[in-house]
Each structure stands twice: as C-alpha cells, then as structure tokens.
C-alpha atoms as a PDB file:
ATOM      1  CA  MET A   1       0.000   0.000   0.000  1.00  0.00           C
ATOM      2  CA  ALA A   2       1.296   3.456  -0.909  1.00  0.00           C
ATOM      3  CA  GLY A   3       1.648   6.305   1.542  1.00  0.00           C
ATOM      4  CA  LYS A   4      -1.026   8.963   1.843  1.00  0.00           C
ATOM      5  CA  PHE A   5      -1.522  12.542   2.947  1.00  0.00           C
ATOM      6  CA  GLU A   6      -4.242  13.249   5.510  1.00  0.00           C
ATOM      7  CA  LEU A   7      -5.638  16.790   5.612  1.00  0.00           C
ATOM      8  CA  TYR A   8      -7.331  17.826   8.846  1.00  0.00           C
ATOM      9  CA  THR A   9      -8.274  20.781  11.062  1.00  0.00           C
ATOM     10  CA  ASP A  10      -6.586  21.015  14.457  1.00  0.00           C
ATOM     11  CA  LYS A  11      -8.135  22.151  17.764  1.00  0.00           C
ATOM     12  CA  SER A  12      -7.313  25.801  17.066  1.00  0.00           C
ATOM     13  CA  GLY A  13      -8.991  25.720  13.645  1.00  0.00           C
ATOM     14  CA  GLU A  14      -5.816  25.617  11.550  1.00  0.00           C
ATOM     15  CA  TYR A  15      -5.405  23.252   8.624  1.00  0.00           C
ATOM     16  CA  ARG A  16      -2.619  20.684   8.848  1.00  0.00           C
ATOM     17  CA  PHE A  17      -1.532  17.592   7.013  1.00  0.00           C
ATOM     18  CA  ARG A  18       0.363  14.476   7.911  1.00  0.00           C
ATOM     19  CA  LEU A  19       2.080  12.007   5.632  1.00  0.00           C
ATOM     20  CA  LYS A  20       1.516   8.375   6.528  1.00  0.00           C
ATOM     21  CA  ALA A  21       3.532   5.420   5.275  1.00  0.00           C
ATOM     22  CA  GLY A  22       1.827   2.393   3.780  1.00  0.00           C
ATOM     23  CA  ASN A  23       1.831   0.719   7.199  1.00  0.00           C
ATOM     24  CA  GLY A  24      -0.061   3.658   8.756  1.00  0.00           C
ATOM     25  CA  GLU A  25       2.936   5.164  10.581  1.00  0.00           C
ATOM     26  CA  VAL A  26       3.088   8.977  10.574  1.00  0.00           C
ATOM     27  CA  ILE A  27       6.346   9.987   8.920  1.00  0.00           C
ATOM     28  CA  ALA A  28       5.822  13.753   8.565  1.00  0.00           C
ATOM     29  CA  THR A  29       3.567  16.462   9.958  1.00  0.00           C
ATOM     30  CA  SER A  30       3.022  19.996   8.728  1.00  0.00           C
ATOM     31  CA  GLU A  31       2.889  23.403  10.282  1.00  0.00           C
ATOM     32  CA  GLY A  32      -0.524  25.013  10.761  1.00  0.00           C
ATOM     33  CA  TYR A  33      -2.087  26.838   7.812  1.00  0.00           C
ATOM     34  CA  SER A  34      -4.818  29.455   8.029  1.00  0.00           C
ATOM     35  CA  SER A  35      -6.535  28.169   4.882  1.00  0.00           C
ATOM     36  CA  LYS A  36      -7.239  24.818   3.288  1.00  0.00           C
ATOM     37  CA  ALA A  37      -5.679  26.094   0.068  1.00  0.00           C
ATOM     38  CA  GLY A  38      -2.454  26.838   1.937  1.00  0.00           C
ATOM     39  CA  ALA A  39      -2.317  23.316   3.346  1.00  0.00           C
ATOM     40  CA  LEU A  40      -2.976  21.834  -0.093  1.00  0.00           C
ATOM     41  CA  SER A  41      -0.134  23.952  -1.484  1.00  0.00           C
ATOM     42  CA  GLY A  42       2.095  22.554   1.268  1.00  0.00           C
ATOM     43  CA  ILE A  43       1.183  19.010   0.240  1.00  0.00           C
ATOM     44  CA  GLU A  44       1.935  19.832  -3.402  1.00  0.00           C
ATOM     45  CA  SER A  45       5.308  21.257  -2.389  1.00  0.00           C
ATOM     46  CA  VAL A  46       6.267  18.096  -0.516  1.00  0.00           C
ATOM     47  CA  GLN A  47       5.148  15.929  -3.442  1.00  0.00           C
ATOM     48  CA  ARG A  48       7.175  18.029  -5.878  1.00  0.00           C
ATOM     49  CA  ASN A  49      10.358  18.475  -3.827  1.00  0.00           C
ATOM     50  CA  ALA A  50      10.759  15.297  -1.773  1.00  0.00           C
ATOM     51  CA  PRO A  51      11.618  12.712  -4.475  1.00  0.00           C
ATOM     52  CA  GLY A  52      15.118  14.155  -4.975  1.00  0.00           C
ATOM     53  CA  ALA A  53      15.650  15.361  -1.432  1.00  0.00           C
ATOM     54  CA  GLU A  54      19.187  14.994  -0.165  1.00  0.00           C
ATOM     55  CA  VAL A  55      19.867  13.171   3.105  1.00  0.00           C
ATOM     56  CA  VAL A  56      22.216  15.196   5.321  1.00  0.00           C
ATOM     57  CA  GLU A  57      23.560  14.073   8.685  1.00  0.00           C
ATOM     58  CA  VAL A  58      23.856  16.929  11.188  1.00  0.00           C
END
C-alpha cells in the first residue's frame, strides 16, 4: 500500500496535514495553515520536492 496525505483541522482551527507510510505510521507532519488552500499547497510542495531530497547528517 502506498503512503497517503491526511488533511485535517486542528483544535485551534488551523489546517494541517500528515504524511503516513503504507503501514499507517506517521512519517511527517506539517505546520498550521490558516486556509485549506495553503495546506494543499504545502502538500503539493512536498510531493514536488521530496523525491530528490538529499539526506544530510547533522
């Protein structure tokens, strides 16, 4: 099963998303967004930029 993004509203009314792996484990969570459109743009950004993301040890 592929991973999925879950879009939700938090207790303070902000929109957030989390990325879940195929096994249901949360592997990323977003900041809060004031609009649904902003959260959807955040999801699109992760989808666009993550495939080639570099791994850096700090």
